[in-house]
Amino acid sequence: MVYVVVVVVNYVVWILGAGAGLSALGIEYHLARIIAGACEGIYMYCALRWIVFRKN
């Protein structure tokens, strides 16, 4: 269940939100997607490492 929440947050915040938000701020679309993709990668690493697959 925790994994599903992490993936849903990833989709809403980074895939839909960050790319569109950066584009709306005037950043060129391709650069905005690259920045959003980098942030998504960092988020997924941290969420999977320290939330989903944490050592109990």
N, C-alpha and C. Protein backbone atom coordinates (compact mmCIF):
# COMPACT_ATOMS: atom_id res chain seq x y z
N MET A 1 0.82 -1.19 0.00
CA MET A 1 0.00 0.00 0.00
C MET A 1 0.87 1.26 0.00
N VAL A 2 1.97 1.22 0.72
CA VAL A 2 2.86 2.39 0.77
C VAL A 2 3.45 2.64 -0.62
N TYR A 3 3.79 1.59 -1.33
CA TYR A 3 4.34 1.73 -2.68
C TYR A 3 3.34 2.41 -3.61
N VAL A 4 2.08 2.03 -3.51
CA VAL A 4 1.04 2.63 -4.35
C VAL A 4 0.94 4.12 -4.07
N VAL A 5 0.98 4.52 -2.82
CA VAL A 5 0.92 5.94 -2.46
C VAL A 5 2.13 6.68 -3.03
N VAL A 6 3.31 6.10 -2.92
CA VAL A 6 4.52 6.74 -3.46
C VAL A 6 4.40 6.91 -4.98
N VAL A 7 3.90 5.92 -5.67
CA VAL A 7 3.76 6.01 -7.13
C VAL A 7 2.70 7.04 -7.53
N VAL A 8 1.59 7.09 -6.80
CA VAL A 8 0.55 8.08 -7.10
C VAL A 8 1.06 9.49 -6.87
N VAL A 9 1.75 9.72 -5.77
CA VAL A 9 2.34 11.04 -5.50
C VAL A 9 3.35 11.38 -6.58
N ASN A 10 4.15 10.43 -6.98
CA ASN A 10 5.12 10.65 -8.05
C ASN A 10 4.42 11.10 -9.33
N TYR A 11 3.36 10.41 -9.70
CA TYR A 11 2.65 10.74 -10.94
C TYR A 11 2.03 12.13 -10.87
N VAL A 12 1.34 12.42 -9.80
CA VAL A 12 0.62 13.69 -9.69
C VAL A 12 1.59 14.87 -9.56
N VAL A 13 2.56 14.75 -8.66
CA VAL A 13 3.45 15.88 -8.38
C VAL A 13 4.48 16.06 -9.47
N TRP A 14 5.20 15.02 -9.82
CA TRP A 14 6.34 15.20 -10.72
C TRP A 14 5.97 15.10 -12.19
N ILE A 15 5.21 14.11 -12.56
CA ILE A 15 4.90 13.91 -13.97
C ILE A 15 3.89 14.96 -14.46
N LEU A 16 2.80 15.14 -13.71
CA LEU A 16 1.80 16.12 -14.14
C LEU A 16 2.14 17.54 -13.68
N GLY A 17 2.54 17.69 -12.43
CA GLY A 17 2.69 19.01 -11.84
C GLY A 17 3.95 19.75 -12.18
N ALA A 18 5.08 19.14 -11.99
CA ALA A 18 6.35 19.86 -12.13
C ALA A 18 6.62 20.26 -13.57
N GLY A 19 6.43 19.37 -14.50
CA GLY A 19 6.68 19.71 -15.90
C GLY A 19 5.77 20.82 -16.40
N ALA A 20 4.49 20.70 -16.08
CA ALA A 20 3.53 21.73 -16.50
C ALA A 20 3.78 23.04 -15.75
N GLY A 21 4.11 22.93 -14.47
CA GLY A 21 4.37 24.14 -13.68
C GLY A 21 5.58 24.90 -14.17
N LEU A 22 6.64 24.19 -14.46
CA LEU A 22 7.84 24.85 -14.97
C LEU A 22 7.60 25.46 -16.34
N SER A 23 6.84 24.78 -17.16
CA SER A 23 6.49 25.33 -18.47
C SER A 23 5.65 26.60 -18.32
N ALA A 24 4.73 26.59 -17.36
CA ALA A 24 3.89 27.76 -17.11
C ALA A 24 4.72 28.94 -16.61
N LEU A 25 5.82 28.66 -15.95
CA LEU A 25 6.70 29.73 -15.46
C LEU A 25 7.56 30.31 -16.57
N GLY A 26 7.50 29.72 -17.75
CA GLY A 26 8.23 30.27 -18.88
C GLY A 26 9.47 29.50 -19.28
N ILE A 27 9.75 28.41 -18.59
CA ILE A 27 10.90 27.59 -18.95
C ILE A 27 10.54 26.78 -20.19
N GLU A 28 11.44 26.67 -21.13
CA GLU A 28 11.20 25.92 -22.37
C GLU A 28 10.79 24.48 -22.02
N TYR A 29 9.82 23.95 -22.76
CA TYR A 29 9.17 22.68 -22.42
C TYR A 29 10.16 21.53 -22.24
N HIS A 30 11.09 21.38 -23.14
CA HIS A 30 12.03 20.25 -23.06
C HIS A 30 12.92 20.37 -21.83
N LEU A 31 13.37 21.56 -21.53
CA LEU A 31 14.18 21.77 -20.32
C LEU A 31 13.35 21.52 -19.07
N ALA A 32 12.09 21.95 -19.08
CA ALA A 32 11.20 21.72 -17.94
C ALA A 32 11.02 20.23 -17.71
N ARG A 33 10.86 19.45 -18.76
CA ARG A 33 10.70 17.99 -18.61
C ARG A 33 11.98 17.34 -18.10
N ILE A 34 13.14 17.83 -18.52
CA ILE A 34 14.41 17.29 -18.03
C ILE A 34 14.56 17.57 -16.54
N ILE A 35 14.26 18.79 -16.13
CA ILE A 35 14.34 19.16 -14.71
C ILE A 35 13.35 18.33 -13.89
N ALA A 36 12.11 18.22 -14.38
CA ALA A 36 11.10 17.43 -13.68
C ALA A 36 11.51 15.96 -13.61
N GLY A 37 12.11 15.44 -14.66
CA GLY A 37 12.57 14.06 -14.66
C GLY A 37 13.69 13.82 -13.66
N ALA A 38 14.59 14.78 -13.54
CA ALA A 38 15.66 14.66 -12.55
C ALA A 38 15.09 14.69 -11.13
N CYS A 39 14.15 15.59 -10.89
CA CYS A 39 13.52 15.66 -9.56
C CYS A 39 12.73 14.38 -9.27
N GLU A 40 12.08 13.85 -10.28
CA GLU A 40 11.34 12.60 -10.13
C GLU A 40 12.29 11.45 -9.75
N GLY A 41 13.42 11.39 -10.40
CA GLY A 41 14.39 10.34 -10.08
C GLY A 41 14.89 10.42 -8.66
N ILE A 42 15.19 11.63 -8.21
CA ILE A 42 15.65 11.83 -6.83
C ILE A 42 14.55 11.46 -5.85
N TYR A 43 13.32 11.91 -6.14
CA TYR A 43 12.18 11.58 -5.27
C TYR A 43 11.98 10.07 -5.18
N MET A 44 11.97 9.39 -6.33
CA MET A 44 11.72 7.95 -6.32
C MET A 44 12.82 7.20 -5.58
N TYR A 45 14.07 7.61 -5.77
CA TYR A 45 15.16 6.95 -5.04
C TYR A 45 14.95 7.10 -3.54
N CYS A 46 14.73 8.33 -3.10
CA CYS A 46 14.58 8.59 -1.66
C CYS A 46 13.35 7.89 -1.09
N ALA A 47 12.23 7.98 -1.79
CA ALA A 47 11.00 7.36 -1.29
C ALA A 47 11.14 5.84 -1.22
N LEU A 48 11.70 5.25 -2.25
CA LEU A 48 11.85 3.79 -2.23
C LEU A 48 12.89 3.36 -1.21
N ARG A 49 13.97 4.11 -1.10
CA ARG A 49 15.06 3.74 -0.19
C ARG A 49 14.66 3.87 1.27
N TRP A 50 14.03 5.01 1.63
CA TRP A 50 13.79 5.30 3.04
C TRP A 50 12.35 5.12 3.50
N ILE A 51 11.41 4.90 2.58
CA ILE A 51 10.02 4.71 3.00
C ILE A 51 9.53 3.31 2.65
N VAL A 52 9.62 2.93 1.38
CA VAL A 52 9.05 1.65 0.95
C VAL A 52 9.89 0.47 1.42
N PHE A 53 11.19 0.50 1.17
CA PHE A 53 12.05 -0.64 1.49
C PHE A 53 12.97 -0.35 2.68
N ARG A 54 12.46 0.37 3.65
CA ARG A 54 13.27 0.66 4.85
C ARG A 54 13.49 -0.61 5.65
N LYS A 55 14.56 -0.61 6.38
CA LYS A 55 14.86 -1.75 7.24
C LYS A 55 14.08 -1.58 8.55
N ASN A 56 13.39 -2.61 8.92
CA ASN A 56 12.57 -2.53 10.16
C ASN A 56 13.34 -2.94 11.36
